[in-house]
C-alpha atoms as a PDB file:
ATOM      1  CA  ILE A   1      92.413  -1.548  31.376  1.00  0.00           C
ATOM      2  CA  GLU A   2      95.136  -4.009  30.409  1.00  0.00           C
ATOM      3  CA  ASP A   3      92.897  -6.878  31.570  1.00  0.00           C
ATOM      4  CA  ILE A   4      90.079  -6.109  29.139  1.00  0.00           C
ATOM      5  CA  PRO A   5      89.956  -8.646  26.278  1.00  0.00           C
ATOM      6  CA  ASN A   6      90.103  -7.266  22.732  1.00  0.00           C
ATOM      7  CA  HIS A   7      86.851  -8.958  21.756  1.00  0.00           C
ATOM      8  CA  LEU A   8      84.935  -6.600  24.099  1.00  0.00           C
ATOM      9  CA  LEU A   9      86.152  -3.444  22.325  1.00  0.00           C
ATOM     10  CA  ILE A  10      83.522  -2.107  19.927  1.00  0.00           C
ATOM     11  CA  LYS A  11      85.159  -0.296  17.026  1.00  0.00           C
ATOM     12  CA  ALA A  12      83.330   2.454  15.135  1.00  0.00           C
ATOM     13  CA  ASP A  13      84.739   2.859  11.632  1.00  0.00           C
ATOM     14  CA  TRP A  14      83.089   5.869  10.017  1.00  0.00           C
ATOM     15  CA  GLY A  15      84.428   4.934   6.589  1.00  0.00           C
ATOM     16  CA  GLN A  16      86.792   6.448   4.060  1.00  0.00           C
ATOM     17  CA  ASP A  17      84.781   9.659   3.656  1.00  0.00           C
ATOM     18  CA  PHE A  18      85.794  10.832   7.134  1.00  0.00           C
ATOM     19  CA  ALA A  19      89.138  12.406   7.963  1.00  0.00           C
ATOM     20  CA  SER A  20      89.200  10.885  11.440  1.00  0.00           C
ATOM     21  CA  THR A  21      87.485   8.172  13.413  1.00  0.00           C
ATOM     22  CA  PRO A  22      87.619   6.973  17.054  1.00  0.00           C
ATOM     23  CA  ASP A  23      90.625   4.700  17.378  1.00  0.00           C
ATOM     24  CA  TRP A  24      91.157   2.312  20.288  1.00  0.00           C
ATOM     25  CA  SER A  25      94.888   2.169  19.582  1.00  0.00           C
ATOM     26  CA  ARG A  26      95.100   5.872  20.470  1.00  0.00           C
ATOM     27  CA  ALA A  27      92.923   5.563  23.570  1.00  0.00           C
ATOM     28  CA  LEU A  28      94.543   2.568  25.230  1.00  0.00           C
ATOM     29  CA  PRO A  29      97.868   2.609  27.071  1.00  0.00           C
ATOM     30  CA  GLU A  30     100.895   1.501  25.058  1.00  0.00           C
ATOM     31  CA  SER A  31     101.205  -1.534  27.329  1.00  0.00           C
ATOM     32  CA  TYR A  32      97.848  -2.879  26.098  1.00  0.00           C
ATOM     33  CA  GLN A  33      98.131  -5.600  23.455  1.00  0.00           C
ATOM     34  CA  TYR A  34      95.529  -4.164  21.086  1.00  0.00           C
ATOM     35  CA  ASP A  35      94.372  -6.347  18.182  1.00  0.00           C
ATOM     36  CA  ALA A  36      92.177  -4.427  15.718  1.00  0.00           C
ATOM     37  CA  ALA A  37      91.065  -7.686  14.090  1.00  0.00           C
ATOM     38  CA  GLU A  38      89.182  -8.770  17.215  1.00  0.00           C
ATOM     39  CA  GLY A  39      85.903  -7.372  18.462  1.00  0.00           C
ATOM     40  CA  LEU A  40      82.796  -5.966  16.911  1.00  0.00           C
ATOM     41  CA  GLN A  41      83.036  -3.298  14.199  1.00  0.00           C
ATOM     42  CA  VAL A  42      80.181  -0.881  13.504  1.00  0.00           C
ATOM     43  CA  THR A  43      79.807   2.111  11.192  1.00  0.00           C
ATOM     44  CA  THR A  44      78.433   4.733  13.597  1.00  0.00           C
ATOM     45  CA  SER A  45      79.141   5.897  17.131  1.00  0.00           C
ATOM     46  CA  SER A  46      75.434   5.692  17.949  1.00  0.00           C
ATOM     47  CA  VAL A  47      75.414   1.959  17.191  1.00  0.00           C
ATOM     48  CA  ALA A  48      78.577   1.455  19.258  1.00  0.00           C
ATOM     49  CA  LEU A  49      76.959   3.291  22.157  1.00  0.00           C
ATOM     50  CA  SER A  50      73.739   1.314  21.811  1.00  0.00           C
ATOM     51  CA  PHE A  51      75.681  -1.954  21.943  1.00  0.00           C
ATOM     52  CA  ALA A  52      77.505  -0.789  25.071  1.00  0.00           C
ATOM     53  CA  VAL A  53      74.177   0.011  26.754  1.00  0.00           C
ATOM     54  CA  GLN A  54      73.009  -3.504  25.808  1.00  0.00           C
ATOM     55  CA  HIS A  55      76.102  -4.998  27.540  1.00  0.00           C
ATOM     56  CA  ILE A  56      77.593  -6.272  24.270  1.00  0.00           C
ATOM     57  CA  GLY A  57      80.932  -4.547  24.759  1.00  0.00           C
ATOM     58  CA  ILE A  58      82.842  -1.336  25.431  1.00  0.00           C
ATOM     59  CA  ALA A  59      82.403   1.643  23.105  1.00  0.00           C
ATOM     60  CA  LEU A  60      84.752   4.515  22.257  1.00  0.00           C
ATOM     61  CA  VAL A  61      82.363   7.358  21.451  1.00  0.00           C
ATOM     62  CA  PRO A  62      82.141  11.153  21.696  1.00  0.00           C
ATOM     63  CA  LYS A  63      81.828  12.268  25.312  1.00  0.00           C
ATOM     64  CA  MET A  64      78.730  14.334  24.586  1.00  0.00           C
ATOM     65  CA  MET A  65      76.857  11.163  23.613  1.00  0.00           C
ATOM     66  CA  THR A  66      77.520   9.527  26.983  1.00  0.00           C
ATOM     67  CA  ARG A  67      76.808  12.274  29.513  1.00  0.00           C
ATOM     68  CA  HIS A  68      73.190  11.328  30.198  1.00  0.00           C
ATOM     69  CA  LEU A  69      74.079   7.622  30.331  1.00  0.00           C
ATOM     70  CA  THR A  70      76.952   8.068  32.786  1.00  0.00           C
ATOM     71  CA  SER A  71      75.047  10.545  34.965  1.00  0.00           C
ATOM     72  CA  ASN A  72      72.176   8.102  35.484  1.00  0.00           C
ATOM     73  CA  GLY A  73      74.477   5.112  35.993  1.00  0.00           C
ATOM     74  CA  LEU A  74      73.721   3.157  32.814  1.00  0.00           C
ATOM     75  CA  LEU A  75      77.349   3.427  31.696  1.00  0.00           C
ATOM     76  CA  VAL A  76      80.680   3.992  33.408  1.00  0.00           C
ATOM     77  CA  LYS A  77      83.360   6.255  31.907  1.00  0.00           C
ATOM     78  CA  PHE A  78      86.946   5.009  31.917  1.00  0.00           C
ATOM     79  CA  ASN A  79      89.442   7.494  33.262  1.00  0.00           C
ATOM     80  CA  THR A  80      91.315   7.882  30.001  1.00  0.00           C
ATOM     81  CA  PRO A  81      92.418  11.127  28.379  1.00  0.00           C
ATOM     82  CA  SER A  82      90.200  12.666  25.721  1.00  0.00           C
ATOM     83  CA  LEU A  83      91.291  11.966  22.169  1.00  0.00           C
ATOM     84  CA  PHE A  84      92.312  14.742  19.831  1.00  0.00           C
ATOM     85  CA  MET A  85      90.334  14.661  16.591  1.00  0.00           C
ATOM     86  CA  PRO A  86      92.314  16.256  13.742  1.00  0.00           C
ATOM     87  CA  ARG A  87      89.322  17.861  12.026  1.00  0.00           C
ATOM     88  CA  PRO A  88      86.861  20.299  13.625  1.00  0.00           C
ATOM     89  CA  TYR A  89      83.174  19.486  13.645  1.00  0.00           C
ATOM     90  CA  SER A  90      80.336  21.811  12.696  1.00  0.00           C
ATOM     91  CA  VAL A  91      76.767  21.832  13.934  1.00  0.00           C
ATOM     92  CA  ALA A  92      74.135  22.503  11.270  1.00  0.00           C
ATOM     93  CA  TYR A  93      70.444  22.951  11.861  1.00  0.00           C
ATOM     94  CA  PRO A  94      67.547  24.716  10.119  1.00  0.00           C
ATOM     95  CA  HIS A  95      66.970  28.368  11.013  1.00  0.00           C
ATOM     96  CA  ALA A  96      63.342  27.539  11.830  1.00  0.00           C
ATOM     97  CA  ILE A  97      64.394  25.649  14.975  1.00  0.00           C
ATOM     98  CA  SER A  98      67.303  27.898  15.998  1.00  0.00           C
ATOM     99  CA  GLN A  99      65.507  29.160  19.108  1.00  0.00           C
ATOM    100  CA  SER A 100      64.124  25.798  20.229  1.00  0.00           C
ATOM    101  CA  PRO A 101      65.118  24.725  23.764  1.00  0.00           C
ATOM    102  CA  GLU A 102      66.778  21.568  22.386  1.00  0.00           C
ATOM    103  CA  ILE A 103      69.077  23.512  20.047  1.00  0.00           C
ATOM    104  CA  ILE A 104      69.913  26.042  22.746  1.00  0.00           C
ATOM    105  CA  ARG A 105      70.838  23.206  25.179  1.00  0.00           C
ATOM    106  CA  LEU A 106      72.852  21.410  22.497  1.00  0.00           C
ATOM    107  CA  LEU A 107      74.871  24.507  21.641  1.00  0.00           C
ATOM    108  CA  ALA A 108      75.462  25.250  25.318  1.00  0.00           C
ATOM    109  CA  ALA A 109      76.713  21.688  25.883  1.00  0.00           C
ATOM    110  CA  LEU A 110      78.992  21.796  22.852  1.00  0.00           C
ATOM    111  CA  THR A 111      80.587  25.073  23.890  1.00  0.00           C
ATOM    112  CA  ARG A 112      80.909  24.206  27.586  1.00  0.00           C
ATOM    113  CA  LYS A 113      84.478  23.775  28.808  1.00  0.00           C
ATOM    114  CA  ASP A 114      84.897  20.761  31.108  1.00  0.00           C
END
């Protein structure tokens, strides 16, 4: 990881309304010379992930978003520890779709222990 240039690190900054955001400085080893001023900055994890799929750089995104892309070989996961996010997340959806297969799969994936 130490050989990866800073300009390849895609940074997702969710803005001041969020209590936490993915942070490369927490994900990289202390020996890495991280420079937050370099690289591409985006406002959502989905854009960061899309840019990674398009070979623009390396994204730090929620694991759940990458599972299908790593399982089919489109992306490779670094062997880095998962990051602690200081605020819990909630899933909200309309009652009308609560029994849909997509919601059931989503909830199962979110509650699965890896």
